[in-house]
Amino acid sequence: MSGNRPAGRDIIVIGSSAGGIQALPRLLRSLPADLPASVFICQHIARTPNPQLVSILSRATPIAVGWAEQGERVRPNRIYVAPPDLHLTFTDHHVRLAQGPRENYARPSIDRLFRSAAVFHGGRSIAVLLTGMMDDGVAGAVAIQEAGGRVIVQDPSDAAFPELPESALAALTPDALLAIDRIGSAIAEMSAESPVIRPAPAHVVLEHDLDTKVGTPNELDGLGARIATNCPECGARCGPWEVPAHRDSAATSDTSSPRASCSRTTRSKSRRRCGTLCGRSTNAPRHSTHSPTMRTVAVRPVPSSSRRGHAKLATRPRPLESSCSTWPDATSSRL
């Protein structure tokens, strides 16, 4: 990034799923009112005519809370909330919203927010993973740690839904493993640290770039090896690619980091990504290609070679809004 920036870690990205509506206000109450950082929240919520999440969170903190707006400049001491049905990411000093394909069955996706923070803000980022099901946000938290940022995970024993925190602990060693009421003070302490400035790993940058376009086979070869199977989502024979579980030794051997005491073996699951048209990204299945733990990006219609001007889906029909893998930027977050 360019320009003068604060010396501390001033980008806080928070991800939560099931149970997050109850956990987020408790976290915000413990944040200092003068927090010199920008906070970005991705909570899995359904699209509704009158979403109330901002209203709920505003009552828990004196810090200004609002829906993130397209092109809005990132400012300190403000909380930006991902609108329903829109991915929240960054473009340098500004917010970017896009109605791209679902990832991990979700839009907004925690992984996509975290991955963007790793690329644009690197070591200035603090990722926080809270209660939830499945593992949206785990790959993104690993990316932030690899880029020099900090990671805080809610203690699974304190979470209403422990599966997401447990998945994070299976993939990385967090800088802090805390109950929800102690996370705010940990964020305040970490935000005052001098960040480790280093570029995001090349594979993280590549996957972030592929979030905004359809990748070519040569580009996807940079993520991993092509495997001899059809994509279970779109049926494409071009790929998928096996994306290895990346771990940066520098991120896990920083002796100055107040690592949480954890006896778990650090491990990350490999993932598969379709590179034809659907852009699907999934966790490598344990037993079946339709494992419910897969990270999923929905498909885009595949043009039919037999009928000019018509399109058909390679598998089952899906709504157009969730099937396009290169959707134009949203012009507004008002839903």
C-alpha atoms as a PDB file:
ATOM      1  CA  MET A   1       0.000   0.000   0.000  1.00  0.00           C
ATOM      2  CA  SER A   2       1.004   3.557  -0.522  1.00  0.00           C
ATOM      3  CA  GLY A   3       0.732   6.619   1.647  1.00  0.00           C
ATOM      4  CA  ASN A   4       1.353   7.276   5.309  1.00  0.00           C
ATOM      5  CA  ARG A   5      -0.208   4.687   7.547  1.00  0.00           C
ATOM      6  CA  PRO A   6      -0.369   4.288  11.350  1.00  0.00           C
ATOM      7  CA  ALA A   7       2.443   2.350  12.985  1.00  0.00           C
ATOM      8  CA  GLY A   8       0.085  -0.187  14.552  1.00  0.00           C
ATOM      9  CA  ARG A   9      -2.166  -2.933  13.241  1.00  0.00           C
ATOM     10  CA  ASP A  10      -5.124  -0.895  12.072  1.00  0.00           C
ATOM     11  CA  ILE A  11      -7.217  -3.370  10.037  1.00  0.00           C
ATOM     12  CA  ILE A  12      -9.423  -5.702  12.090  1.00  0.00           C
ATOM     13  CA  VAL A  13     -11.415  -8.336  10.176  1.00  0.00           C
ATOM     14  CA  ILE A  14     -13.968 -10.390  12.096  1.00  0.00           C
ATOM     15  CA  GLY A  15     -15.803 -13.439  10.814  1.00  0.00           C
ATOM     16  CA  SER A  16     -18.718 -15.267  12.415  1.00  0.00           C
ATOM     17  CA  SER A  17     -21.476 -17.601  11.360  1.00  0.00           C
ATOM     18  CA  ALA A  18     -24.035 -19.455  13.481  1.00  0.00           C
ATOM     19  CA  GLY A  19     -24.256 -17.826  16.904  1.00  0.00           C
ATOM     20  CA  GLY A  20     -22.549 -14.660  15.736  1.00  0.00           C
ATOM     21  CA  ILE A  21     -25.547 -12.382  16.244  1.00  0.00           C
ATOM     22  CA  GLN A  22     -25.229 -13.044  19.979  1.00  0.00           C
ATOM     23  CA  ALA A  23     -21.412 -13.093  20.104  1.00  0.00           C
ATOM     24  CA  LEU A  24     -20.635  -9.934  18.131  1.00  0.00           C
ATOM     25  CA  PRO A  25     -22.309  -7.434  20.540  1.00  0.00           C
ATOM     26  CA  ARG A  26     -20.359  -8.967  23.438  1.00  0.00           C
ATOM     27  CA  LEU A  27     -17.114  -8.527  21.544  1.00  0.00           C
ATOM     28  CA  LEU A  28     -17.884  -4.925  20.550  1.00  0.00           C
ATOM     29  CA  ARG A  29     -18.733  -3.970  24.130  1.00  0.00           C
ATOM     30  CA  SER A  30     -15.179  -4.851  25.146  1.00  0.00           C
ATOM     31  CA  LEU A  31     -13.536  -2.687  22.459  1.00  0.00           C
ATOM     32  CA  PRO A  32     -12.189   0.700  23.611  1.00  0.00           C
ATOM     33  CA  ALA A  33     -14.249   3.638  22.354  1.00  0.00           C
ATOM     34  CA  ASP A  34     -11.132   5.294  20.906  1.00  0.00           C
ATOM     35  CA  LEU A  35      -9.857   2.227  19.023  1.00  0.00           C
ATOM     36  CA  PRO A  36      -7.469   3.629  16.358  1.00  0.00           C
ATOM     37  CA  ALA A  37      -8.333   0.923  13.833  1.00  0.00           C
ATOM     38  CA  SER A  38     -10.942   0.084  11.221  1.00  0.00           C
ATOM     39  CA  VAL A  39     -13.131  -2.943  11.943  1.00  0.00           C
ATOM     40  CA  PHE A  40     -14.743  -5.057   9.233  1.00  0.00           C
ATOM     41  CA  ILE A  41     -17.378  -7.652  10.132  1.00  0.00           C
ATOM     42  CA  CYS A  42     -18.541 -10.533   7.962  1.00  0.00           C
ATOM     43  CA  GLN A  43     -21.514 -12.286   9.535  1.00  0.00           C
ATOM     44  CA  HIS A  44     -23.409 -14.949   7.598  1.00  0.00           C
ATOM     45  CA  ILE A  45     -26.943 -13.567   7.317  1.00  0.00           C
ATOM     46  CA  ALA A  46     -29.741 -14.164   4.848  1.00  0.00           C
ATOM     47  CA  ARG A  47     -30.879 -11.455   2.497  1.00  0.00           C
ATOM     48  CA  THR A  48     -33.969  -9.761   3.924  1.00  0.00           C
ATOM     49  CA  PRO A  49     -35.912  -6.590   3.009  1.00  0.00           C
ATOM     50  CA  ASN A  50     -34.904  -4.858   6.234  1.00  0.00           C
ATOM     51  CA  PRO A  51     -31.710  -6.321   7.788  1.00  0.00           C
ATOM     52  CA  GLN A  52     -31.228  -5.341  11.432  1.00  0.00           C
ATOM     53  CA  LEU A  53     -27.617  -6.358  12.091  1.00  0.00           C
ATOM     54  CA  VAL A  54     -26.223  -2.804  12.061  1.00  0.00           C
ATOM     55  CA  SER A  55     -28.944  -1.663  14.450  1.00  0.00           C
ATOM     56  CA  ILE A  56     -28.145  -4.544  16.824  1.00  0.00           C
ATOM     57  CA  LEU A  57     -24.401  -3.864  16.783  1.00  0.00           C
ATOM     58  CA  SER A  58     -24.809  -0.084  17.137  1.00  0.00           C
ATOM     59  CA  ARG A  59     -26.432  -0.551  20.527  1.00  0.00           C
ATOM     60  CA  ALA A  60     -23.358  -2.413  21.805  1.00  0.00           C
ATOM     61  CA  THR A  61     -20.623   0.174  21.159  1.00  0.00           C
ATOM     62  CA  PRO A  62     -20.058   3.943  20.929  1.00  0.00           C
ATOM     63  CA  ILE A  63     -17.956   3.382  17.789  1.00  0.00           C
ATOM     64  CA  ALA A  64     -19.801   4.292  14.581  1.00  0.00           C
ATOM     65  CA  VAL A  65     -21.298   1.201  12.912  1.00  0.00           C
ATOM     66  CA  GLY A  66     -22.676   1.070   9.383  1.00  0.00           C
ATOM     67  CA  TRP A  67     -23.183  -1.043   6.300  1.00  0.00           C
ATOM     68  CA  ALA A  68     -20.099  -0.959   4.101  1.00  0.00           C
ATOM     69  CA  GLU A  69     -20.650   1.199   1.001  1.00  0.00           C
ATOM     70  CA  GLN A  70     -19.129   0.649  -2.434  1.00  0.00           C
ATOM     71  CA  GLY A  71     -15.967   2.733  -2.837  1.00  0.00           C
ATOM     72  CA  GLU A  72     -16.097   4.047   0.738  1.00  0.00           C
ATOM     73  CA  ARG A  73     -12.735   5.143   2.094  1.00  0.00           C
ATOM     74  CA  VAL A  74     -11.374   3.111   4.999  1.00  0.00           C
ATOM     75  CA  ARG A  75     -11.306   5.295   8.118  1.00  0.00           C
ATOM     76  CA  PRO A  76     -10.121   4.560  11.658  1.00  0.00           C
ATOM     77  CA  ASN A  77     -12.486   4.153  14.616  1.00  0.00           C
ATOM     78  CA  ARG A  78     -15.305   2.889  12.439  1.00  0.00           C
ATOM     79  CA  ILE A  79     -17.021  -0.485  12.061  1.00  0.00           C
ATOM     80  CA  TYR A  80     -17.992  -1.641   8.556  1.00  0.00           C
ATOM     81  CA  VAL A  81     -20.505  -4.481   8.231  1.00  0.00           C
ATOM     82  CA  ALA A  82     -20.757  -6.651   5.110  1.00  0.00           C
ATOM     83  CA  PRO A  83     -24.239  -6.223   3.616  1.00  0.00           C
ATOM     84  CA  PRO A  84     -26.337  -9.347   3.015  1.00  0.00           C
ATOM     85  CA  ASP A  85     -25.681 -11.069  -0.323  1.00  0.00           C
ATOM     86  CA  LEU A  86     -22.535  -9.024  -1.082  1.00  0.00           C
ATOM     87  CA  HIS A  87     -18.870  -9.926  -0.668  1.00  0.00           C
ATOM     88  CA  LEU A  88     -16.857  -7.340   1.284  1.00  0.00           C
ATOM     89  CA  THR A  89     -13.239  -6.875   0.133  1.00  0.00           C
ATOM     90  CA  PHE A  90     -10.637  -4.139  -0.291  1.00  0.00           C
ATOM     91  CA  THR A  91      -9.047  -2.104  -3.036  1.00  0.00           C
ATOM     92  CA  ASP A  92      -6.156  -0.428  -1.253  1.00  0.00           C
ATOM     93  CA  HIS A  93      -7.628   2.377   0.907  1.00  0.00           C
ATOM     94  CA  HIS A  94     -11.238   1.720  -0.125  1.00  0.00           C
ATOM     95  CA  VAL A  95     -14.048  -0.797   0.299  1.00  0.00           C
ATOM     96  CA  ARG A  96     -15.124  -2.998  -2.584  1.00  0.00           C
ATOM     97  CA  LEU A  97     -18.469  -4.804  -2.718  1.00  0.00           C
ATOM     98  CA  ALA A  98     -19.255  -7.484  -5.283  1.00  0.00           C
ATOM     99  CA  GLN A  99     -22.045  -9.969  -5.865  1.00  0.00           C
ATOM    100  CA  GLY A 100     -19.700 -12.704  -7.037  1.00  0.00           C
ATOM    101  CA  PRO A 101     -20.120 -16.470  -6.653  1.00  0.00           C
ATOM    102  CA  ARG A 102     -20.833 -17.914  -3.240  1.00  0.00           C
ATOM    103  CA  GLU A 103     -17.870 -19.311  -1.370  1.00  0.00           C
ATOM    104  CA  ASN A 104     -18.350 -21.910   1.354  1.00  0.00           C
ATOM    105  CA  TYR A 105     -22.054 -21.672   0.501  1.00  0.00           C
ATOM    106  CA  ALA A 106     -21.963 -18.063   1.705  1.00  0.00           C
ATOM    107  CA  ARG A 107     -22.164 -14.535   0.363  1.00  0.00           C
ATOM    108  CA  PRO A 108     -20.655 -12.587   2.052  1.00  0.00           C
ATOM    109  CA  SER A 109     -17.738 -14.983   2.548  1.00  0.00           C
ATOM    110  CA  ILE A 110     -15.344 -14.692   5.481  1.00  0.00           C
ATOM    111  CA  ASP A 111     -12.536 -16.300   3.487  1.00  0.00           C
ATOM    112  CA  ARG A 112     -12.854 -13.722   0.741  1.00  0.00           C
ATOM    113  CA  LEU A 113     -12.693 -10.803   3.211  1.00  0.00           C
ATOM    114  CA  PHE A 114      -9.699 -12.285   5.031  1.00  0.00           C
ATOM    115  CA  ARG A 115      -7.860 -13.118   1.808  1.00  0.00           C
ATOM    116  CA  SER A 116      -8.324  -9.553   0.567  1.00  0.00           C
ATOM    117  CA  ALA A 117      -7.031  -8.166   3.880  1.00  0.00           C
ATOM    118  CA  ALA A 118      -3.941 -10.380   3.583  1.00  0.00           C
ATOM    119  CA  VAL A 119      -3.192  -9.054   0.094  1.00  0.00           C
ATOM    120  CA  PHE A 120      -3.852  -5.345   0.635  1.00  0.00           C
ATOM    121  CA  HIS A 121      -2.992  -4.901   4.316  1.00  0.00           C
ATOM    122  CA  GLY A 122      -0.749  -7.855   5.193  1.00  0.00           C
ATOM    123  CA  GLY A 123       0.896  -7.556   8.603  1.00  0.00           C
ATOM    124  CA  ARG A 124      -1.343  -4.627   9.580  1.00  0.00           C
ATOM    125  CA  SER A 125      -4.302  -7.040   9.780  1.00  0.00           C
ATOM    126  CA  ILE A 126      -5.802  -8.844  12.766  1.00  0.00           C
ATOM    127  CA  ALA A 127      -8.200 -11.676  11.920  1.00  0.00           C
ATOM    128  CA  VAL A 128     -10.807 -12.808  14.454  1.00  0.00           C
ATOM    129  CA  LEU A 129     -12.777 -16.038  13.993  1.00  0.00           C
ATOM    130  CA  LEU A 130     -15.819 -16.574  16.182  1.00  0.00           C
ATOM    131  CA  THR A 131     -18.590 -19.112  16.590  1.00  0.00           C
ATOM    132  CA  GLY A 132     -19.968 -20.889  13.545  1.00  0.00           C
ATOM    133  CA  MET A 133     -20.518 -24.035  11.532  1.00  0.00           C
ATOM    134  CA  MET A 134     -18.201 -25.496   8.892  1.00  0.00           C
ATOM    135  CA  ASP A 135     -14.948 -23.642   8.141  1.00  0.00           C
ATOM    136  CA  ASP A 136     -15.513 -20.421   6.210  1.00  0.00           C
ATOM    137  CA  GLY A 137     -12.664 -18.090   7.223  1.00  0.00           C
ATOM    138  CA  VAL A 138     -10.068 -20.718   8.098  1.00  0.00           C
ATOM    139  CA  ALA A 139      -8.158 -20.525   4.798  1.00  0.00           C
ATOM    140  CA  GLY A 140      -8.332 -16.727   4.963  1.00  0.00           C
ATOM    141  CA  ALA A 141      -6.980 -16.682   8.526  1.00  0.00           C
ATOM    142  CA  VAL A 142      -4.046 -18.840   7.408  1.00  0.00           C
ATOM    143  CA  ALA A 143      -3.413 -16.328   4.596  1.00  0.00           C
ATOM    144  CA  ILE A 144      -3.365 -13.402   7.038  1.00  0.00           C
ATOM    145  CA  GLN A 145      -0.952 -15.234   9.322  1.00  0.00           C
ATOM    146  CA  GLU A 146       1.292 -16.035   6.361  1.00  0.00           C
ATOM    147  CA  ALA A 147       1.282 -12.324   5.446  1.00  0.00           C
ATOM    148  CA  GLY A 148       2.490 -11.347   8.934  1.00  0.00           C
ATOM    149  CA  GLY A 149      -0.856 -10.546  10.539  1.00  0.00           C
ATOM    150  CA  ARG A 150      -2.280 -11.772  13.826  1.00  0.00           C
ATOM    151  CA  VAL A 151      -5.087 -14.296  14.342  1.00  0.00           C
ATOM    152  CA  ILE A 152      -7.463 -14.549  17.297  1.00  0.00           C
ATOM    153  CA  VAL A 153      -9.817 -17.529  17.643  1.00  0.00           C
ATOM    154  CA  GLN A 154     -12.719 -17.819  20.036  1.00  0.00           C
ATOM    155  CA  ASP A 155     -12.266 -20.692  22.472  1.00  0.00           C
ATOM    156  CA  PRO A 156     -14.479 -23.523  21.172  1.00  0.00           C
ATOM    157  CA  SER A 157     -15.646 -24.253  24.718  1.00  0.00           C
ATOM    158  CA  ASP A 158     -16.985 -20.678  24.854  1.00  0.00           C
ATOM    159  CA  ALA A 159     -18.608 -20.714  21.404  1.00  0.00           C
ATOM    160  CA  ALA A 160     -22.283 -21.493  20.823  1.00  0.00           C
ATOM    161  CA  PHE A 161     -21.221 -23.418  17.707  1.00  0.00           C
ATOM    162  CA  PRO A 162     -17.641 -24.692  18.148  1.00  0.00           C
ATOM    163  CA  GLU A 163     -17.104 -26.242  14.698  1.00  0.00           C
ATOM    164  CA  LEU A 164     -15.630 -23.109  13.072  1.00  0.00           C
ATOM    165  CA  PRO A 165     -13.160 -22.361  15.913  1.00  0.00           C
ATOM    166  CA  GLU A 166     -12.169 -26.029  16.031  1.00  0.00           C
ATOM    167  CA  SER A 167     -11.527 -26.015  12.279  1.00  0.00           C
ATOM    168  CA  ALA A 168      -9.297 -22.971  12.735  1.00  0.00           C
ATOM    169  CA  LEU A 169      -7.302 -24.680  15.482  1.00  0.00           C
ATOM    170  CA  ALA A 170      -6.847 -27.687  13.209  1.00  0.00           C
ATOM    171  CA  ALA A 171      -5.303 -25.475  10.513  1.00  0.00           C
ATOM    172  CA  LEU A 172      -3.155 -22.967  12.429  1.00  0.00           C
ATOM    173  CA  THR A 173      -1.770 -21.938  15.796  1.00  0.00           C
ATOM    174  CA  PRO A 174      -3.561 -18.693  16.740  1.00  0.00           C
ATOM    175  CA  ASP A 175      -1.897 -15.758  18.430  1.00  0.00           C
ATOM    176  CA  ALA A 176      -4.669 -15.869  21.026  1.00  0.00           C
ATOM    177  CA  LEU A 177      -7.346 -18.411  21.959  1.00  0.00           C
ATOM    178  CA  LEU A 178      -9.856 -16.562  24.122  1.00  0.00           C
ATOM    179  CA  ALA A 179     -13.391 -16.407  25.449  1.00  0.00           C
ATOM    180  CA  ILE A 180     -15.538 -13.851  23.641  1.00  0.00           C
ATOM    181  CA  ASP A 181     -15.471 -11.272  26.455  1.00  0.00           C
ATOM    182  CA  ARG A 182     -11.649 -11.142  26.407  1.00  0.00           C
ATOM    183  CA  ILE A 183     -11.201 -10.723  22.664  1.00  0.00           C
ATOM    184  CA  GLY A 184     -11.827  -6.964  22.624  1.00  0.00           C
ATOM    185  CA  SER A 185      -8.945  -6.216  24.986  1.00  0.00           C
ATOM    186  CA  ALA A 186      -6.675  -8.535  22.974  1.00  0.00           C
ATOM    187  CA  ILE A 187      -7.546  -6.620  19.794  1.00  0.00           C
ATOM    188  CA  ALA A 188      -6.696  -3.335  21.520  1.00  0.00           C
ATOM    189  CA  GLU A 189      -3.300  -4.688  22.626  1.00  0.00           C
ATOM    190  CA  MET A 190      -2.435  -6.146  19.221  1.00  0.00           C
ATOM    191  CA  SER A 191      -3.508  -2.988  17.389  1.00  0.00           C
ATOM    192  CA  ALA A 192      -0.791  -1.089  19.270  1.00  0.00           C
ATOM    193  CA  GLU A 193       1.957  -3.455  18.053  1.00  0.00           C
ATOM    194  CA  SER A 194       4.357  -2.544  15.265  1.00  0.00           C
ATOM    195  CA  PRO A 195       3.294  -4.738  12.344  1.00  0.00           C
ATOM    196  CA  VAL A 196       5.519  -7.143  10.466  1.00  0.00           C
ATOM    197  CA  ILE A 197       5.651  -5.722   6.939  1.00  0.00           C
ATOM    198  CA  ARG A 198       6.024  -8.369   4.270  1.00  0.00           C
ATOM    199  CA  PRO A 199       4.115  -9.136   1.065  1.00  0.00           C
ATOM    200  CA  ALA A 200       1.415 -11.757   1.011  1.00  0.00           C
ATOM    201  CA  PRO A 201       2.607 -15.106  -0.388  1.00  0.00           C
ATOM    202  CA  ALA A 202       2.290 -15.476  -4.140  1.00  0.00           C
ATOM    203  CA  HIS A 203      -0.328 -18.243  -3.880  1.00  0.00           C
ATOM    204  CA  VAL A 204      -2.539 -15.973  -1.726  1.00  0.00           C
ATOM    205  CA  VAL A 205      -2.230 -13.111  -4.219  1.00  0.00           C
ATOM    206  CA  LEU A 206      -3.023 -15.471  -7.095  1.00  0.00           C
ATOM    207  CA  GLU A 207      -6.129 -16.850  -5.412  1.00  0.00           C
ATOM    208  CA  HIS A 208      -7.254 -13.331  -4.531  1.00  0.00           C
ATOM    209  CA  ASP A 209      -6.880 -12.349  -8.196  1.00  0.00           C
ATOM    210  CA  LEU A 210      -8.873 -15.414  -9.226  1.00  0.00           C
ATOM    211  CA  ASP A 211     -11.686 -14.276  -6.933  1.00  0.00           C
ATOM    212  CA  THR A 212     -12.397 -11.478  -9.419  1.00  0.00           C
ATOM    213  CA  LYS A 213     -12.001 -13.320 -12.722  1.00  0.00           C
ATOM    214  CA  VAL A 214     -12.081 -16.704 -14.452  1.00  0.00           C
ATOM    215  CA  GLY A 215      -8.568 -18.112 -14.278  1.00  0.00           C
ATOM    216  CA  THR A 216      -6.728 -19.617 -17.230  1.00  0.00           C
ATOM    217  CA  PRO A 217      -5.298 -23.149 -16.922  1.00  0.00           C
ATOM    218  CA  ASN A 218      -1.780 -21.693 -16.794  1.00  0.00           C
ATOM    219  CA  GLU A 219      -2.762 -19.401 -13.916  1.00  0.00           C
ATOM    220  CA  LEU A 220      -4.381 -22.217 -11.984  1.00  0.00           C
ATOM    221  CA  ASP A 221      -1.279 -24.356 -12.470  1.00  0.00           C
ATOM    222  CA  GLY A 222       0.318 -21.884 -10.055  1.00  0.00           C
ATOM    223  CA  LEU A 223      -2.082 -22.998  -7.326  1.00  0.00           C
ATOM    224  CA  GLY A 224      -1.373 -26.709  -7.542  1.00  0.00           C
ATOM    225  CA  ALA A 225      -1.499 -29.854  -9.647  1.00  0.00           C
ATOM    226  CA  ARG A 226      -4.364 -30.707 -11.961  1.00  0.00           C
ATOM    227  CA  ILE A 227      -6.195 -33.870 -10.942  1.00  0.00           C
ATOM    228  CA  ALA A 228      -7.933 -36.477 -13.118  1.00  0.00           C
ATOM    229  CA  THR A 229     -11.541 -35.910 -12.109  1.00  0.00           C
ATOM    230  CA  ASN A 230     -14.486 -33.812 -13.178  1.00  0.00           C
ATOM    231  CA  CYS A 231     -15.584 -30.832 -11.113  1.00  0.00           C
ATOM    232  CA  PRO A 232     -18.508 -32.133  -8.989  1.00  0.00           C
ATOM    233  CA  GLU A 233     -20.294 -28.787  -9.344  1.00  0.00           C
ATOM    234  CA  CYS A 234     -20.166 -27.939 -13.045  1.00  0.00           C
ATOM    235  CA  GLY A 235     -18.936 -31.232 -14.496  1.00  0.00           C
ATOM    236  CA  ALA A 236     -15.958 -29.592 -16.216  1.00  0.00           C
ATOM    237  CA  ARG A 237     -13.146 -31.872 -17.308  1.00  0.00           C
ATOM    238  CA  CYS A 238     -10.582 -29.037 -17.347  1.00  0.00           C
ATOM    239  CA  GLY A 239      -9.292 -29.492 -13.824  1.00  0.00           C
ATOM    240  CA  PRO A 240     -10.031 -29.271 -10.932  1.00  0.00           C
ATOM    241  CA  TRP A 241      -6.688 -28.287  -9.393  1.00  0.00           C
ATOM    242  CA  GLU A 242      -5.461 -29.636  -6.053  1.00  0.00           C
ATOM    243  CA  VAL A 243      -4.412 -26.639  -3.939  1.00  0.00           C
ATOM    244  CA  PRO A 244      -1.907 -27.757  -1.266  1.00  0.00           C
ATOM    245  CA  ALA A 245      -2.223 -26.591   2.321  1.00  0.00           C
ATOM    246  CA  HIS A 246       0.257 -23.704   2.487  1.00  0.00           C
ATOM    247  CA  ARG A 247       2.039 -22.822   5.700  1.00  0.00           C
ATOM    248  CA  ASP A 248       4.673 -20.127   6.127  1.00  0.00           C
ATOM    249  CA  SER A 249       7.365 -21.176   8.607  1.00  0.00           C
ATOM    250  CA  ALA A 250       8.060 -17.551   9.445  1.00  0.00           C
ATOM    251  CA  ALA A 251       4.442 -17.104  10.504  1.00  0.00           C
ATOM    252  CA  THR A 252       4.563 -20.034  12.907  1.00  0.00           C
ATOM    253  CA  SER A 253       8.033 -19.521  14.343  1.00  0.00           C
ATOM    254  CA  ASP A 254       7.847 -15.895  15.426  1.00  0.00           C
ATOM    255  CA  THR A 255       9.109 -16.156  18.986  1.00  0.00           C
ATOM    256  CA  SER A 256       7.982 -12.608  19.766  1.00  0.00           C
ATOM    257  CA  SER A 257       4.367 -13.557  19.163  1.00  0.00           C
ATOM    258  CA  PRO A 258       2.257 -14.329  22.255  1.00  0.00           C
ATOM    259  CA  ARG A 259       1.073 -17.670  20.861  1.00  0.00           C
ATOM    260  CA  ALA A 260      -1.780 -19.429  22.602  1.00  0.00           C
ATOM    261  CA  SER A 261      -0.941 -22.620  24.453  1.00  0.00           C
ATOM    262  CA  CYS A 262      -2.369 -25.374  22.293  1.00  0.00           C
ATOM    263  CA  SER A 263      -1.437 -29.040  22.159  1.00  0.00           C
ATOM    264  CA  ARG A 264      -3.173 -29.660  18.842  1.00  0.00           C
ATOM    265  CA  THR A 265      -1.108 -30.657  15.827  1.00  0.00           C
ATOM    266  CA  THR A 266      -1.170 -27.822  13.291  1.00  0.00           C
ATOM    267  CA  ARG A 267      -2.505 -29.034   9.967  1.00  0.00           C
ATOM    268  CA  SER A 268      -4.359 -27.662   6.957  1.00  0.00           C
ATOM    269  CA  LYS A 269      -6.584 -29.462   4.480  1.00  0.00           C
ATOM    270  CA  SER A 270      -5.770 -29.266   0.793  1.00  0.00           C
ATOM    271  CA  ARG A 271      -8.462 -27.753  -1.406  1.00  0.00           C
ATOM    272  CA  ARG A 272      -9.701 -28.202  -4.956  1.00  0.00           C
ATOM    273  CA  ARG A 273     -10.524 -25.376  -7.302  1.00  0.00           C
ATOM    274  CA  CYS A 274     -12.282 -25.640 -10.655  1.00  0.00           C
ATOM    275  CA  GLY A 275     -10.686 -23.394 -13.254  1.00  0.00           C
ATOM    276  CA  THR A 276     -13.048 -23.627 -16.197  1.00  0.00           C
ATOM    277  CA  LEU A 277     -16.036 -21.362 -15.629  1.00  0.00           C
ATOM    278  CA  CYS A 278     -17.418 -22.056 -12.185  1.00  0.00           C
ATOM    279  CA  GLY A 279     -14.334 -21.002 -10.168  1.00  0.00           C
ATOM    280  CA  ARG A 280     -15.430 -23.370  -7.422  1.00  0.00           C
ATOM    281  CA  SER A 281     -13.123 -23.706  -4.420  1.00  0.00           C
ATOM    282  CA  THR A 282     -13.682 -26.626  -2.047  1.00  0.00           C
ATOM    283  CA  ASN A 283     -11.925 -28.500   0.686  1.00  0.00           C
ATOM    284  CA  ALA A 284     -10.587 -31.821  -0.559  1.00  0.00           C
ATOM    285  CA  PRO A 285     -13.293 -34.323   0.477  1.00  0.00           C
ATOM    286  CA  ARG A 286     -12.673 -36.839   3.228  1.00  0.00           C
ATOM    287  CA  HIS A 287     -14.987 -39.512   1.822  1.00  0.00           C
ATOM    288  CA  SER A 288     -17.170 -37.914  -0.830  1.00  0.00           C
ATOM    289  CA  THR A 289     -16.971 -35.044  -3.287  1.00  0.00           C
ATOM    290  CA  HIS A 290     -20.216 -33.825  -1.739  1.00  0.00           C
ATOM    291  CA  SER A 291     -18.878 -33.589   1.813  1.00  0.00           C
ATOM    292  CA  PRO A 292     -20.736 -30.868   3.766  1.00  0.00           C
ATOM    293  CA  THR A 293     -17.399 -29.356   4.848  1.00  0.00           C
ATOM    294  CA  MET A 294     -16.465 -28.227   1.331  1.00  0.00           C
ATOM    295  CA  ARG A 295     -15.636 -24.590   0.564  1.00  0.00           C
ATOM    296  CA  THR A 296     -17.941 -23.877  -2.350  1.00  0.00           C
ATOM    297  CA  VAL A 297     -18.234 -21.242  -5.043  1.00  0.00           C
ATOM    298  CA  ALA A 298     -21.401 -21.565  -7.123  1.00  0.00           C
ATOM    299  CA  VAL A 299     -21.295 -22.185 -10.872  1.00  0.00           C
ATOM    300  CA  ARG A 300     -21.826 -19.884 -13.782  1.00  0.00           C
ATOM    301  CA  PRO A 301     -23.815 -21.011 -16.878  1.00  0.00           C
ATOM    302  CA  VAL A 302     -21.695 -22.928 -19.397  1.00  0.00           C
ATOM    303  CA  PRO A 303     -22.416 -21.948 -23.027  1.00  0.00           C
ATOM    304  CA  SER A 304     -23.798 -24.749 -25.174  1.00  0.00           C
ATOM    305  CA  SER A 305     -21.736 -25.575 -28.253  1.00  0.00           C
ATOM    306  CA  SER A 306     -24.816 -26.811 -30.079  1.00  0.00           C
ATOM    307  CA  ARG A 307     -27.036 -23.744 -29.761  1.00  0.00           C
ATOM    308  CA  ARG A 308     -25.725 -20.307 -30.523  1.00  0.00           C
ATOM    309  CA  GLY A 309     -27.018 -17.612 -28.215  1.00  0.00           C
ATOM    310  CA  HIS A 310     -28.276 -20.081 -25.599  1.00  0.00           C
ATOM    311  CA  ALA A 311     -26.701 -21.364 -22.382  1.00  0.00           C
ATOM    312  CA  LYS A 312     -27.197 -24.408 -20.241  1.00  0.00           C
ATOM    313  CA  LEU A 313     -25.949 -25.515 -16.866  1.00  0.00           C
ATOM    314  CA  ALA A 314     -23.593 -28.473 -16.695  1.00  0.00           C
ATOM    315  CA  THR A 315     -25.530 -29.851 -13.724  1.00  0.00           C
ATOM    316  CA  ARG A 316     -28.727 -28.626 -12.106  1.00  0.00           C
ATOM    317  CA  PRO A 317     -30.249 -25.147 -12.706  1.00  0.00           C
ATOM    318  CA  ARG A 318     -29.352 -22.385 -10.250  1.00  0.00           C
ATOM    319  CA  PRO A 319     -30.577 -18.814  -9.861  1.00  0.00           C
ATOM    320  CA  LEU A 320     -28.603 -16.452 -12.085  1.00  0.00           C
ATOM    321  CA  GLU A 321     -27.508 -14.256  -9.170  1.00  0.00           C
ATOM    322  CA  SER A 322     -25.627 -17.137  -7.528  1.00  0.00           C
ATOM    323  CA  SER A 323     -24.227 -18.734 -10.666  1.00  0.00           C
ATOM    324  CA  CYS A 324     -22.113 -16.055 -12.328  1.00  0.00           C
ATOM    325  CA  SER A 325     -18.432 -16.339 -11.471  1.00  0.00           C
ATOM    326  CA  THR A 326     -17.537 -12.827 -12.701  1.00  0.00           C
ATOM    327  CA  TRP A 327     -20.272 -10.538 -11.436  1.00  0.00           C
ATOM    328  CA  PRO A 328     -19.885  -6.749 -11.838  1.00  0.00           C
ATOM    329  CA  ASP A 329     -19.317  -4.660  -8.744  1.00  0.00           C
ATOM    330  CA  ALA A 330     -22.412  -3.759  -6.789  1.00  0.00           C
ATOM    331  CA  THR A 331     -23.260  -0.104  -7.050  1.00  0.00           C
ATOM    332  CA  SER A 332     -24.805   0.129  -3.611  1.00  0.00           C
ATOM    333  CA  SER A 333     -25.052  -1.860  -0.410  1.00  0.00           C
ATOM    334  CA  ARG A 334     -28.641  -0.817   0.177  1.00  0.00           C
ATOM    335  CA  LEU A 335     -30.721  -3.964  -0.126  1.00  0.00           C
END
